[in-house]
Amino acid sequence: MQKRSTKFPCRWRIAIVLLIATFLLGMGTTMFISVERGSAVTDPDYYQNGLNYSKTRNGAYNAGLDWIMSASLSGSDLQVRVHDDKGAPVAGGKLSFQTRHGNEKEVLTLAETAPGIFVAPWPVSGQGELRGELLFTKGESIASQKVVFFN
């Protein structure tokens, strides 16, 4: 009896060798690109970049993170006090109260009556619950707080 000769084992060997060669070529290309181009993480002064990040435009400190807003219903008015972490009023900004009713968004703008004190007529008549967000902006700083009112 004669042995049947097939060429399949030779094709599988070539396919496996091509897969390994492709993998090694890809790894070599990746290593070359990473060595030549680098990134901010591999920069020699990456530590200094991290220390001075707050001085860059992208990492500028938001003073609004330290602002505190306390909202209350004063008679038929919504009153919001805005102050910093030391208790001093934050004056000169813009404050709005944003609510959603279904797909509709309502924005109530509050007027500053005294430094750091903002007032607007209560937007809802009758009893119920009103959920929304207070948004205070002053310059490039922003503070926001979610609130729920029960009337």
Protein backbone atom coordinates (compact mmCIF):
# COMPACT_ATOMS: atom_id res chain seq x y z
CA MET A 1 0.00 0.00 0.00
CA GLN A 2 1.04 3.48 -0.78
CA LYS A 3 0.83 6.39 1.66
CA ARG A 4 -1.38 9.18 0.62
CA SER A 5 0.53 12.39 0.57
CA THR A 6 -1.28 15.55 1.46
CA LYS A 7 0.00 19.08 1.51
CA PHE A 8 -2.16 20.20 4.45
CA PRO A 9 0.52 19.80 7.13
CA CYS A 10 2.82 22.08 5.13
CA ARG A 11 0.10 24.73 4.79
CA TRP A 12 -0.58 24.67 8.54
CA ARG A 13 3.11 25.16 9.27
CA ILE A 14 3.24 28.14 6.93
CA ALA A 15 0.09 29.61 8.50
CA ILE A 16 1.51 29.24 12.03
CA VAL A 17 4.83 30.78 11.00
CA LEU A 18 2.98 33.71 9.34
CA LEU A 19 0.90 34.29 12.49
CA ILE A 20 4.00 34.35 14.70
CA ALA A 21 5.80 36.66 12.25
CA THR A 22 2.81 39.03 12.18
CA PHE A 23 2.70 39.08 15.98
CA LEU A 24 6.42 39.82 16.25
CA LEU A 25 6.21 42.54 13.59
CA GLY A 26 3.30 44.16 15.44
CA MET A 27 5.13 44.06 18.76
CA GLY A 28 8.25 45.55 17.17
CA THR A 29 6.24 48.34 15.57
CA THR A 30 4.50 49.13 18.87
CA MET A 31 7.80 49.24 20.74
CA PHE A 32 9.37 51.48 18.09
CA ILE A 33 6.45 53.95 18.15
CA SER A 34 6.42 54.09 21.96
CA VAL A 35 10.16 54.78 22.12
CA GLU A 36 10.16 57.39 19.35
CA ARG A 37 6.97 59.34 20.12
CA GLY A 38 6.46 58.86 23.85
CA SER A 39 3.68 60.50 25.82
CA ALA A 40 3.15 62.92 28.69
CA VAL A 41 3.32 59.99 31.11
CA THR A 42 6.79 59.03 29.96
CA ASP A 43 8.15 62.59 29.71
CA PRO A 44 11.20 63.14 31.91
CA ASP A 45 9.41 66.04 33.65
CA TYR A 46 6.01 64.36 34.08
CA TYR A 47 6.24 64.79 37.85
CA GLN A 48 6.65 68.57 37.49
CA ASN A 49 3.69 68.65 35.08
CA GLY A 50 1.58 66.98 37.75
CA LEU A 51 2.71 69.39 40.47
CA ASN A 52 1.89 72.43 38.32
CA TYR A 53 -1.32 71.09 36.77
CA SER A 54 -3.50 73.55 38.70
CA LYS A 55 -1.67 76.44 37.03
CA THR A 56 -2.67 75.30 33.54
CA ARG A 57 -5.92 76.31 31.87
CA ASN A 58 -7.26 72.75 31.85
CA GLY A 59 -6.44 72.20 35.48
CA ALA A 60 -7.50 75.63 36.75
CA TYR A 61 -8.99 75.44 40.21
CA ASN A 62 -12.75 75.96 40.38
CA ALA A 63 -13.40 78.24 43.35
CA GLY A 64 -17.05 77.15 43.17
CA LEU A 65 -16.10 73.84 44.74
CA ASP A 66 -15.80 75.64 48.10
CA TRP A 67 -19.05 77.61 47.82
CA ILE A 68 -22.04 76.59 49.91
CA MET A 69 -25.64 77.28 48.89
CA SER A 70 -28.49 77.15 51.36
CA ALA A 71 -32.00 77.50 49.97
CA SER A 72 -35.22 78.18 51.83
CA LEU A 73 -38.76 79.32 51.25
CA SER A 74 -39.31 82.74 52.76
CA GLY A 75 -43.02 83.46 52.54
CA SER A 76 -43.87 83.30 48.84
CA ASP A 77 -40.23 83.74 47.77
CA LEU A 78 -37.39 81.34 47.13
CA GLN A 79 -34.29 82.62 48.93
CA VAL A 80 -30.79 81.25 48.42
CA ARG A 81 -27.69 82.27 50.34
CA VAL A 82 -24.31 81.67 48.72
CA HIS A 83 -21.17 81.82 50.85
CA ASP A 84 -17.65 80.47 50.78
CA ASP A 85 -16.11 77.97 53.19
CA LYS A 86 -15.20 80.79 55.62
CA GLY A 87 -18.79 82.10 55.74
CA ALA A 88 -18.21 85.24 53.65
CA PRO A 89 -20.97 85.94 51.09
CA VAL A 90 -20.14 85.36 47.43
CA ALA A 91 -21.48 88.43 45.65
CA GLY A 92 -21.79 89.37 42.00
CA GLY A 93 -22.64 86.03 40.43
CA LYS A 94 -25.69 84.69 38.62
CA LEU A 95 -27.99 82.14 40.19
CA SER A 96 -30.67 80.08 38.49
CA PHE A 97 -33.00 77.30 39.59
CA GLN A 98 -33.63 74.68 36.92
CA THR A 99 -36.52 72.21 37.08
CA ARG A 100 -37.89 69.58 34.71
CA HIS A 101 -41.53 68.77 34.12
CA GLY A 102 -41.52 65.79 31.78
CA ASN A 103 -39.44 66.84 28.79
CA GLU A 104 -39.81 70.57 29.49
CA LYS A 105 -37.07 72.43 31.30
CA GLU A 106 -37.96 75.51 33.32
CA VAL A 107 -35.34 78.03 34.44
CA LEU A 108 -36.01 80.52 37.21
CA THR A 109 -33.43 83.32 37.50
CA LEU A 110 -32.89 84.69 40.99
CA ALA A 111 -31.96 88.33 41.59
CA GLU A 112 -29.30 89.37 44.09
CA THR A 113 -30.91 91.54 46.79
CA ALA A 114 -27.87 91.73 49.08
CA PRO A 115 -24.31 90.38 48.84
CA GLY A 116 -24.67 86.61 48.47
CA ILE A 117 -28.47 86.59 48.92
CA PHE A 118 -30.62 85.75 45.89
CA VAL A 119 -34.43 85.91 45.78
CA ALA A 120 -37.17 85.05 43.28
CA PRO A 121 -40.93 84.46 43.52
CA TRP A 122 -41.79 80.84 44.30
CA PRO A 123 -42.50 79.20 40.92
CA VAL A 124 -45.14 76.71 42.04
CA SER A 125 -48.51 77.37 43.61
CA GLY A 126 -50.27 74.88 45.83
CA GLN A 127 -48.93 71.88 47.68
CA GLY A 128 -46.37 69.43 46.36
CA GLU A 129 -42.78 68.58 45.80
CA LEU A 130 -40.42 70.43 43.48
CA ARG A 131 -37.07 68.96 42.46
CA GLY A 132 -34.41 70.94 40.68
CA GLU A 133 -30.86 72.17 40.59
CA LEU A 134 -29.37 75.45 41.76
CA LEU A 135 -26.64 76.68 39.41
CA PHE A 136 -24.42 79.56 40.52
CA THR A 137 -21.79 81.04 38.22
CA LYS A 138 -19.28 83.77 38.85
CA GLY A 139 -16.65 84.32 36.20
CA GLU A 140 -15.36 80.88 35.20
CA SER A 141 -16.26 79.29 38.55
CA ILE A 142 -19.40 77.21 38.90
CA ALA A 143 -21.24 75.72 41.85
CA SER A 144 -24.30 73.50 41.61
CA GLN A 145 -26.54 71.76 44.09
CA LYS A 146 -29.56 69.53 43.68
CA VAL A 147 -32.49 70.47 45.91
CA VAL A 148 -35.98 69.26 46.75
CA PHE A 149 -38.65 71.62 48.08
CA PHE A 150 -41.84 70.59 49.82
CA ASN A 151 -44.59 73.15 49.85
